[in-house]
Protein backbone atom coordinates (compact mmCIF):
# COMPACT_ATOMS: atom_id res chain seq x y z
CA MET A 1 -4.30 -23.67 -22.19
CA SER A 2 -1.02 -24.99 -23.61
CA PRO A 3 -1.20 -26.38 -27.15
CA VAL A 4 -0.84 -30.15 -27.53
CA PHE A 5 0.30 -31.82 -30.75
CA GLU A 6 -1.23 -35.18 -31.59
CA SER A 7 1.22 -37.98 -32.40
CA GLY A 8 1.43 -38.85 -36.07
CA ALA A 9 -0.38 -35.72 -37.22
CA SER A 10 0.46 -34.32 -40.64
CA HIS A 11 2.69 -31.25 -40.83
CA THR A 12 2.25 -30.47 -44.53
CA GLU A 13 1.59 -26.98 -45.80
CA ARG A 14 -2.11 -27.39 -46.31
CA PRO A 15 -4.16 -24.51 -44.81
CA LEU A 16 -4.33 -24.57 -41.03
CA LEU A 17 -7.90 -24.35 -39.78
CA LEU A 18 -8.76 -23.54 -36.20
CA LEU A 19 -11.90 -25.57 -35.42
CA VAL A 20 -13.84 -24.51 -32.33
CA ASN A 21 -15.70 -27.44 -30.74
CA ALA A 22 -16.21 -30.38 -33.11
CA MET A 23 -19.38 -31.33 -31.17
CA ASP A 24 -20.50 -34.97 -31.05
CA GLN A 25 -19.20 -37.70 -33.32
CA GLN A 26 -22.62 -39.21 -33.99
CA THR A 27 -24.12 -36.20 -35.81
CA ARG A 28 -21.10 -33.96 -36.61
CA GLY A 29 -18.26 -36.41 -37.10
CA HIS A 30 -18.68 -36.42 -40.88
CA LEU A 31 -17.98 -32.67 -40.97
CA LEU A 32 -14.60 -33.01 -39.24
CA GLU A 33 -13.68 -36.02 -41.38
CA SER A 34 -14.31 -33.99 -44.54
CA VAL A 35 -12.38 -30.96 -43.35
CA ALA A 36 -9.40 -33.04 -42.22
CA ARG A 37 -8.97 -34.63 -45.64
CA ASN A 38 -8.00 -31.32 -47.22
CA HIS A 39 -6.74 -29.18 -44.32
CA ARG A 40 -4.65 -29.26 -41.20
CA VAL A 41 -6.99 -28.87 -38.24
CA TRP A 42 -6.19 -27.45 -34.81
CA LEU A 43 -8.98 -28.05 -32.30
CA PHE A 44 -10.09 -25.66 -29.58
CA THR A 45 -12.02 -27.69 -27.03
CA ASP A 46 -13.30 -27.40 -23.47
CA GLN A 47 -12.25 -30.98 -22.67
CA PRO A 48 -9.33 -33.11 -23.94
CA PRO A 49 -10.34 -34.63 -27.28
CA GLU A 50 -11.28 -38.27 -27.71
CA TRP A 51 -12.77 -39.30 -31.06
CA GLU A 52 -11.35 -36.17 -32.73
CA ARG A 53 -7.68 -37.09 -32.21
CA PRO A 54 -7.07 -38.93 -35.53
CA TYR A 55 -8.32 -35.91 -37.49
CA VAL A 56 -6.46 -33.04 -35.84
CA LEU A 57 -2.90 -31.77 -35.87
CA GLY A 58 -3.23 -30.74 -32.23
CA HIS A 59 -5.53 -29.19 -29.68
CA THR A 60 -5.82 -26.54 -27.01
CA VAL A 61 -8.09 -26.90 -23.99
CA VAL A 62 -9.70 -23.48 -23.57
CA ASP A 63 -13.05 -21.94 -22.70
CA THR A 64 -14.64 -22.00 -26.16
CA LEU A 65 -17.37 -19.59 -25.07
CA ASP A 66 -14.82 -16.91 -24.11
CA PRO A 67 -13.58 -15.00 -27.19
CA HIS A 68 -10.79 -13.23 -25.28
CA MET A 69 -9.25 -16.48 -24.04
CA MET A 70 -9.52 -18.01 -27.52
CA ILE A 71 -7.91 -14.97 -29.16
CA THR A 72 -4.94 -15.21 -26.79
CA ALA A 73 -4.59 -18.94 -27.46
CA ALA A 74 -5.00 -18.56 -31.23
CA ARG A 75 -2.43 -15.86 -31.96
CA PRO A 76 0.67 -18.09 -31.64
CA LEU A 77 -0.90 -20.69 -33.92
CA ARG A 78 -1.30 -18.23 -36.81
CA PRO A 79 -4.28 -20.10 -38.36
CA ASP A 80 -5.43 -19.44 -41.90
CA ALA A 81 -9.10 -19.60 -40.88
CA VAL A 82 -11.43 -20.17 -37.95
CA VAL A 83 -14.29 -22.65 -38.39
CA CYS A 84 -17.33 -23.39 -36.23
CA TRP A 85 -20.62 -25.22 -36.80
CA ASP A 86 -21.81 -25.03 -33.18
CA GLU A 87 -24.69 -22.56 -32.79
CA THR A 88 -23.72 -21.71 -29.19
CA ARG A 89 -20.20 -20.72 -30.27
CA VAL A 90 -20.60 -18.98 -33.63
CA LEU A 91 -20.67 -15.55 -31.97
CA PRO A 92 -17.44 -15.87 -29.94
CA VAL A 93 -15.79 -17.43 -32.99
CA ALA A 94 -16.79 -14.41 -35.08
CA HIS A 95 -14.93 -12.21 -32.58
CA VAL A 96 -11.86 -14.46 -32.84
CA ALA A 97 -11.82 -14.26 -36.64
CA ARG A 98 -12.15 -10.48 -36.55
CA ALA A 99 -9.35 -10.08 -33.98
CA LEU A 100 -7.03 -12.25 -36.08
CA GLY A 101 -7.86 -10.40 -39.31
CA LEU A 102 -9.38 -13.51 -40.91
CA ALA A 103 -12.42 -13.94 -43.13
CA GLY A 104 -15.69 -14.34 -41.28
CA ILE A 105 -19.12 -12.95 -40.58
CA ASP A 106 -19.48 -9.64 -38.73
CA PRO A 107 -20.14 -10.38 -35.03
CA ASP A 108 -23.08 -7.94 -35.06
CA VAL A 109 -24.68 -9.97 -37.86
CA ILE A 110 -24.15 -13.19 -35.90
CA ARG A 111 -25.72 -11.56 -32.84
CA THR A 112 -28.75 -10.53 -34.91
CA CYS A 113 -29.24 -14.17 -35.91
CA ARG A 114 -28.54 -15.65 -32.46
CA ASP A 115 -30.98 -13.31 -30.70
CA LYS A 116 -34.39 -14.14 -32.15
CA HIS A 117 -35.81 -10.79 -31.02
CA LEU A 118 -33.12 -8.91 -32.97
CA THR A 119 -33.92 -11.14 -35.96
CA ARG A 120 -37.58 -10.18 -35.72
CA GLU A 121 -36.72 -6.48 -35.51
CA ALA A 122 -34.42 -6.62 -38.54
CA VAL A 123 -36.82 -8.61 -40.71
CA ASP A 124 -39.78 -6.50 -39.60
CA ALA A 125 -37.94 -3.31 -40.60
CA ALA A 126 -37.44 -4.81 -44.06
CA GLY A 127 -41.09 -5.83 -44.35
CA GLY A 128 -40.24 -9.50 -44.33
CA PRO A 129 -42.65 -12.43 -43.91
CA GLN A 130 -42.67 -13.58 -40.30
CA PRO A 131 -45.03 -13.94 -37.32
CA THR A 132 -46.04 -11.16 -34.96
CA SER A 133 -43.62 -11.29 -32.03
CA THR A 134 -43.32 -9.53 -28.65
CA ALA A 135 -40.41 -9.73 -26.20
CA VAL A 136 -41.62 -9.91 -22.59
CA SER A 137 -40.24 -10.33 -19.09
CA THR A 138 -43.30 -11.02 -16.93
CA LEU A 139 -46.38 -13.19 -17.05
CA ALA A 140 -48.57 -10.09 -17.15
CA GLU A 141 -46.71 -8.87 -20.24
CA ALA A 142 -46.96 -12.33 -21.79
CA ARG A 143 -50.72 -12.39 -21.17
CA ALA A 144 -51.13 -8.95 -22.75
CA ALA A 145 -49.02 -9.95 -25.78
CA ALA A 146 -51.04 -13.14 -26.23
CA GLU A 147 -54.34 -11.23 -26.09
CA ARG A 148 -53.11 -8.80 -28.75
CA THR A 149 -51.76 -11.58 -30.95
CA GLY A 150 -54.61 -14.03 -30.44
CA TYR A 151 -54.44 -17.63 -29.24
CA PRO A 152 -52.82 -19.99 -29.88
CA VAL A 153 -49.38 -18.45 -29.35
CA VAL A 154 -45.87 -19.83 -29.43
CA VAL A 155 -43.73 -19.13 -26.36
CA LYS A 156 -39.97 -19.37 -26.83
CA PRO A 157 -36.65 -18.22 -25.32
CA ARG A 158 -34.74 -15.54 -27.22
CA ALA A 159 -31.49 -17.42 -27.79
CA MET A 160 -31.62 -21.11 -26.96
CA VAL A 161 -30.90 -23.92 -29.45
CA GLY A 162 -32.59 -27.05 -30.75
CA SER A 163 -36.17 -25.95 -30.04
CA THR A 164 -35.35 -25.96 -26.32
CA GLY A 165 -38.09 -24.26 -24.33
CA VAL A 166 -40.41 -23.70 -27.31
CA GLY A 167 -44.04 -24.48 -26.56
CA LEU A 168 -47.59 -23.82 -27.73
CA ALA A 169 -50.15 -22.11 -25.49
CA ARG A 170 -53.71 -22.50 -26.73
CA SER A 171 -55.30 -20.61 -23.87
CA ARG A 172 -54.49 -18.28 -20.99
CA SER A 173 -54.31 -21.20 -18.57
CA GLU A 174 -51.78 -23.01 -20.80
CA LEU A 175 -49.77 -19.79 -21.08
CA ASP A 176 -49.77 -19.45 -17.28
CA THR A 177 -48.39 -22.98 -17.01
CA LEU A 178 -45.81 -22.69 -19.80
CA PHE A 179 -44.42 -19.20 -19.21
CA PRO A 180 -42.59 -19.72 -15.87
CA THR A 181 -40.67 -22.69 -17.28
CA THR A 182 -39.62 -20.78 -20.39
CA GLN A 183 -38.76 -17.66 -18.39
CA SER A 184 -36.45 -19.53 -16.00
CA LEU A 185 -34.86 -21.77 -18.61
CA THR A 186 -31.08 -21.70 -18.86
CA MET A 187 -28.42 -23.69 -20.70
CA GLU A 188 -24.82 -24.01 -19.57
CA GLU A 189 -23.62 -23.17 -23.07
CA VAL A 190 -25.85 -20.12 -23.56
CA ARG A 191 -24.48 -17.25 -21.49
CA GLU A 192 -26.51 -14.43 -22.99
CA ARG A 193 -28.98 -12.88 -20.56
CA PHE A 194 -31.79 -10.51 -21.57
CA THR A 195 -34.07 -8.03 -19.86
CA ASP A 196 -36.97 -9.47 -21.88
CA PRO A 197 -35.97 -13.15 -22.19
CA VAL A 198 -39.16 -14.61 -23.67
CA LEU A 199 -40.90 -14.15 -27.01
CA VAL A 200 -44.65 -14.51 -27.42
CA GLU A 201 -45.40 -15.10 -31.08
CA GLU A 202 -48.23 -15.68 -33.49
CA TYR A 203 -48.75 -19.38 -34.21
CA LEU A 204 -48.03 -20.28 -37.83
CA ASP A 205 -50.07 -22.97 -39.55
CA GLY A 206 -48.74 -25.34 -42.19
CA PRO A 207 -45.76 -27.71 -42.44
CA GLU A 208 -42.31 -26.64 -41.26
CA ILE A 209 -39.20 -26.84 -43.42
CA SER A 210 -35.58 -25.78 -43.18
CA VAL A 211 -33.47 -24.43 -46.04
CA ASP A 212 -29.70 -24.65 -46.19
CA THR A 213 -28.54 -21.77 -48.36
CA LEU A 214 -25.28 -20.48 -49.79
CA VAL A 215 -25.22 -16.70 -49.95
CA TRP A 216 -22.40 -15.07 -51.90
CA ASP A 217 -22.73 -11.32 -52.31
CA ASP A 218 -25.97 -10.79 -54.26
CA GLU A 219 -26.51 -14.49 -55.07
CA ILE A 220 -28.85 -16.53 -52.88
CA ASP A 221 -28.61 -20.22 -53.70
CA PRO A 222 -30.94 -22.58 -51.76
CA LEU A 223 -29.00 -25.85 -51.68
CA TYR A 224 -31.53 -28.26 -50.19
CA VAL A 225 -34.75 -28.30 -48.20
CA ALA A 226 -35.39 -30.53 -45.19
CA ARG A 227 -39.00 -31.37 -44.44
CA LYS A 228 -39.42 -31.60 -40.67
CA GLU A 229 -41.17 -34.24 -38.65
CA LEU A 230 -42.32 -32.62 -35.40
CA SER A 231 -43.66 -34.04 -32.17
CA PRO A 232 -47.33 -33.36 -31.41
CA PRO A 233 -48.23 -30.05 -29.70
CA PRO A 234 -47.67 -28.42 -27.30
CA ASN A 235 -43.93 -28.98 -27.95
CA PHE A 236 -42.00 -28.55 -31.18
CA GLU A 237 -39.42 -31.30 -30.82
CA GLU A 238 -37.76 -32.19 -34.13
CA ILE A 239 -37.93 -35.97 -34.36
CA GLY A 240 -36.96 -36.34 -37.98
CA HIS A 241 -36.09 -34.70 -41.31
CA SER A 242 -36.28 -35.72 -44.96
CA VAL A 243 -34.46 -34.24 -47.96
CA ASP A 244 -35.61 -34.80 -51.54
CA ARG A 245 -33.25 -33.50 -54.22
CA ALA A 246 -36.21 -32.74 -56.50
CA ASP A 247 -38.31 -31.00 -53.85
CA PRO A 248 -40.44 -28.50 -55.85
CA ILE A 249 -40.25 -25.89 -53.07
CA LEU A 250 -36.65 -25.22 -54.14
CA GLU A 251 -38.04 -23.50 -57.26
CA ASP A 252 -40.83 -21.66 -55.46
CA THR A 253 -40.57 -17.98 -56.40
CA GLU A 254 -42.17 -16.72 -53.18
CA LEU A 255 -39.76 -18.69 -51.00
CA ARG A 256 -36.74 -17.56 -53.02
CA GLU A 257 -37.82 -13.93 -52.71
CA ALA A 258 -38.33 -14.37 -48.96
CA LEU A 259 -34.88 -15.93 -48.60
CA ALA A 260 -33.27 -13.00 -50.40
CA LEU A 261 -35.16 -10.44 -48.30
CA VAL A 262 -34.33 -12.11 -44.96
CA HIS A 263 -30.62 -12.57 -45.71
CA LYS A 264 -30.34 -8.93 -46.70
CA ALA A 265 -32.31 -7.80 -43.65
CA VAL A 266 -30.01 -9.50 -41.14
CA GLY A 267 -26.85 -8.58 -43.07
CA LEU A 268 -25.63 -11.99 -44.23
CA THR A 269 -23.57 -11.61 -47.41
CA ARG A 270 -21.08 -14.51 -47.59
CA ALA A 271 -22.15 -17.52 -45.58
CA TRP A 272 -23.78 -20.91 -45.41
CA THR A 273 -27.07 -20.44 -43.57
CA HIS A 274 -29.76 -22.63 -42.10
CA SER A 275 -33.18 -20.99 -41.99
CA GLU A 276 -36.45 -22.46 -40.75
CA TRP A 277 -39.85 -21.66 -42.26
CA ARG A 278 -43.52 -22.45 -41.97
CA LEU A 279 -45.36 -22.90 -45.26
CA THR A 280 -48.55 -21.18 -44.13
CA SER A 281 -51.81 -20.57 -45.96
CA ARG A 282 -50.49 -17.01 -46.54
CA GLY A 283 -47.13 -18.13 -47.89
CA PRO A 284 -43.73 -18.89 -46.31
CA ARG A 285 -43.07 -17.28 -42.92
CA LEU A 286 -39.67 -17.15 -41.22
CA VAL A 287 -39.23 -19.06 -37.96
CA GLU A 288 -35.49 -18.32 -37.53
CA ILE A 289 -32.21 -17.99 -39.41
CA ASN A 290 -28.79 -19.27 -38.32
CA ALA A 291 -25.34 -18.49 -39.68
CA ARG A 292 -24.17 -22.12 -39.97
CA SER A 293 -25.18 -25.38 -41.60
CA GLY A 294 -28.15 -27.40 -40.39
CA GLY A 295 -27.87 -29.61 -37.32
CA ASP A 296 -29.68 -32.86 -36.52
CA PHE A 297 -27.75 -34.69 -39.28
CA ILE A 298 -29.40 -32.49 -41.93
CA SER A 299 -26.00 -31.69 -43.41
CA TYR A 300 -25.40 -35.43 -43.90
CA LEU A 301 -28.77 -35.82 -45.65
CA GLY A 302 -27.78 -32.93 -47.90
CA LEU A 303 -24.46 -34.62 -48.67
CA LEU A 304 -26.22 -37.89 -49.55
CA THR A 305 -28.72 -36.25 -51.88
CA THR A 306 -26.73 -33.44 -53.48
CA GLY A 307 -23.05 -34.18 -52.87
CA ILE A 308 -22.67 -30.74 -51.26
CA ASP A 309 -20.31 -31.11 -48.29
CA ALA A 310 -21.16 -28.68 -45.48
CA GLY A 311 -17.84 -29.31 -43.73
CA LEU A 312 -15.75 -28.43 -46.78
CA ALA A 313 -18.01 -25.46 -47.50
CA ALA A 314 -17.48 -24.12 -43.98
CA ALA A 315 -13.72 -24.38 -44.47
CA GLU A 316 -13.80 -22.66 -47.85
CA LEU A 317 -15.96 -19.81 -46.55
CA ALA A 318 -13.68 -19.38 -43.55
CA LEU A 319 -10.74 -19.08 -45.97
CA GLY A 320 -12.63 -16.44 -47.95
CA HIS A 321 -13.36 -18.72 -50.90
CA ARG A 322 -16.65 -19.54 -52.56
CA PRO A 323 -17.54 -23.25 -52.07
CA VAL A 324 -17.87 -25.38 -55.20
CA PRO A 325 -20.89 -27.63 -55.89
CA GLY A 326 -20.74 -31.36 -55.24
CA THR A 327 -21.93 -34.36 -57.25
CA ALA A 328 -25.48 -35.62 -56.69
CA ASN A 329 -25.89 -39.08 -55.15
CA HIS A 330 -29.21 -40.45 -53.84
CA GLU A 331 -32.56 -38.95 -54.83
CA ALA A 332 -33.74 -38.68 -51.22
CA ALA A 333 -32.61 -39.31 -47.64
CA ALA A 334 -34.23 -39.07 -44.23
CA VAL A 335 -33.25 -39.26 -40.57
CA ARG A 336 -35.40 -40.23 -37.60
CA PHE A 337 -34.56 -39.95 -33.91
CA LEU A 338 -36.20 -42.43 -31.57
CA TYR A 339 -37.69 -41.34 -28.23
CA PRO A 340 -39.34 -43.34 -25.43
CA GLU A 341 -43.02 -42.80 -24.72
CA VAL A 342 -42.25 -41.82 -21.10
CA GLU A 343 -39.15 -40.69 -19.21
CA THR A 344 -36.86 -43.73 -19.02
CA VAL A 345 -33.51 -44.73 -17.53
CA VAL A 346 -31.59 -46.70 -20.17
CA GLY A 347 -30.73 -50.26 -19.28
CA ARG A 348 -29.78 -51.58 -22.70
CA ILE A 349 -30.32 -50.57 -26.34
CA THR A 350 -29.83 -53.10 -29.11
CA ILE A 351 -30.17 -52.89 -32.88
CA ASP A 352 -30.88 -56.09 -34.81
CA HIS A 353 -29.04 -55.22 -38.04
CA ASP A 354 -30.38 -58.34 -39.76
CA ARG A 355 -33.90 -56.88 -39.50
CA LEU A 356 -32.99 -53.48 -40.95
CA PRO A 357 -34.34 -52.79 -44.48
CA PRO A 358 -31.70 -52.46 -47.23
CA ALA A 359 -32.52 -48.73 -47.51
CA ILE A 360 -31.13 -48.05 -44.03
CA LYS A 361 -27.70 -46.47 -44.37
CA VAL A 362 -27.04 -45.53 -40.72
CA ALA A 363 -28.35 -47.06 -37.49
CA ARG A 364 -26.75 -45.75 -34.30
CA VAL A 365 -27.35 -45.94 -30.57
CA LEU A 366 -27.28 -42.46 -29.02
CA ALA A 367 -27.66 -43.19 -25.30
CA GLN A 368 -25.66 -45.37 -22.92
CA PRO A 369 -26.85 -47.48 -19.96
CA GLY A 370 -27.80 -45.27 -17.02
CA HIS A 371 -28.70 -42.28 -19.20
CA VAL A 372 -31.97 -40.61 -18.25
CA LEU A 373 -34.13 -40.09 -21.32
CA GLU A 374 -36.04 -36.93 -20.42
CA LEU A 375 -38.81 -35.55 -22.61
CA PRO A 376 -39.95 -31.99 -23.42
CA PRO A 377 -40.70 -29.64 -21.89
CA ALA A 378 -38.51 -30.75 -18.97
CA SER A 379 -35.57 -31.57 -21.25
CA HIS A 380 -34.59 -32.40 -24.81
CA THR A 381 -32.26 -35.32 -24.02
CA GLY A 382 -34.71 -38.11 -24.85
CA ARG A 383 -33.16 -39.47 -28.05
CA TYR A 384 -31.85 -43.01 -27.74
CA ALA A 385 -31.22 -44.03 -31.38
CA MET A 386 -30.86 -42.57 -34.87
CA LEU A 387 -31.81 -44.11 -38.21
CA VAL A 388 -30.99 -42.83 -41.73
CA ALA A 389 -32.60 -44.13 -44.91
CA VAL A 390 -31.94 -43.42 -48.60
CA GLY A 391 -34.28 -44.01 -51.53
CA GLY A 392 -35.97 -42.70 -54.63
CA SER A 393 -38.26 -40.37 -52.68
CA ALA A 394 -38.84 -39.03 -49.19
CA ALA A 395 -41.91 -41.27 -48.91
CA GLU A 396 -39.78 -44.35 -49.62
CA CYS A 397 -37.33 -43.27 -46.94
CA ARG A 398 -40.08 -42.76 -44.37
CA SER A 399 -41.47 -46.21 -45.11
CA ALA A 400 -38.04 -47.76 -44.56
CA LEU A 401 -37.65 -45.86 -41.29
CA ASP A 402 -41.03 -47.11 -40.09
CA ALA A 403 -39.89 -50.69 -40.66
CA ALA A 404 -36.45 -50.08 -39.16
CA GLU A 405 -37.88 -48.89 -35.86
CA GLU A 406 -38.97 -52.49 -35.20
CA ALA A 407 -35.29 -53.53 -35.19
CA VAL A 408 -34.37 -51.18 -32.34
CA LEU A 409 -35.06 -52.34 -28.78
CA LEU A 410 -34.90 -50.06 -25.75
CA GLU A 411 -34.89 -51.90 -22.41
CA PRO A 412 -35.36 -49.75 -19.29
CA ALA A 413 -32.84 -50.14 -16.47
CA GLU A 414 -35.31 -51.77 -14.09
CA GLN A 415 -36.22 -54.35 -16.73
CA VAL A 416 -32.56 -55.24 -17.34
CA ARG A 417 -31.89 -55.56 -13.58
CA ARG A 418 -34.71 -58.06 -13.26
């Protein structure tokens, strides 16, 4: 747990930010690049850094899920702020910031957002718009909750990430099949354990969106909306997102009122948040709210369309400052993640860049040879490539992505061996 300085790192008197887990370069690298341009960055990481080295002053290898170990390692560094955009680590990081006397979100508020059952209780107490939800521990309890709620129902873990374990049960037999998998689901990076680990919830009709929002005291400012592209039922895998700077939902009074109510209910007062909603026939209904910027490259789409930099905003908030607006760029941007039709072992992935439409801004391979592309509900590791398009509208971007998919070739391992 000894600190290590990187060779050639800057030692100027810019603010020193303690960044906990930079995550992967493919979808979060732009955040670290932005932060490093204006701040000195010290990285807390579970493994020695690789791609992060050019951007950080130094690093400490430490258990980034253990707040006590991080507090001990952080004190000698005397950081000006602690930053984290990893959903699995925002709670321990909140404890670190509090122990060091730095700006940050109350750990109890973070816990309310991380635990979807606590979120439901808080929003329900405030009369907020959300689905009926019941926390259960047994199949019998799940059956009873589903009967009260009415099929179809959504079955989900209380505190996983990335839609992991979320499924749709349209009947008792589907519930009986789905529940044991959800009940037993674990993730190495999610250490919370609950007496009632599964939620059985009312199914919400309508399209799903996410809203990245800046909340500063009594001001709730929705920055941009991402329209989600979901896999077909029974799973809710997010296979793409599109952001249109002129999306009319940003000015929707009912959504703005719901955003204000939910942020107040869970206790978020100064933060960048990422909330997910269904636009139902009865109005917007909350799916979940998170105390960090959007994942799945949504923050990059927001940067392309609005100029608002989620990395810099995270740093400013961690320093106790209100982030400043950016300069608008493209009218719209969209990302799509490519999945195989069946579970596949990667042999080779190639992108023919000459065949990519001009609107494609990013085309990246996400899986290496030998990687097993597993599909929900067994796993959510099936992505093998990522494409980003920009254009005058979300529809233009989707059209470009459709064409770009033809330029990406996935060859299974057995095919390559032959």
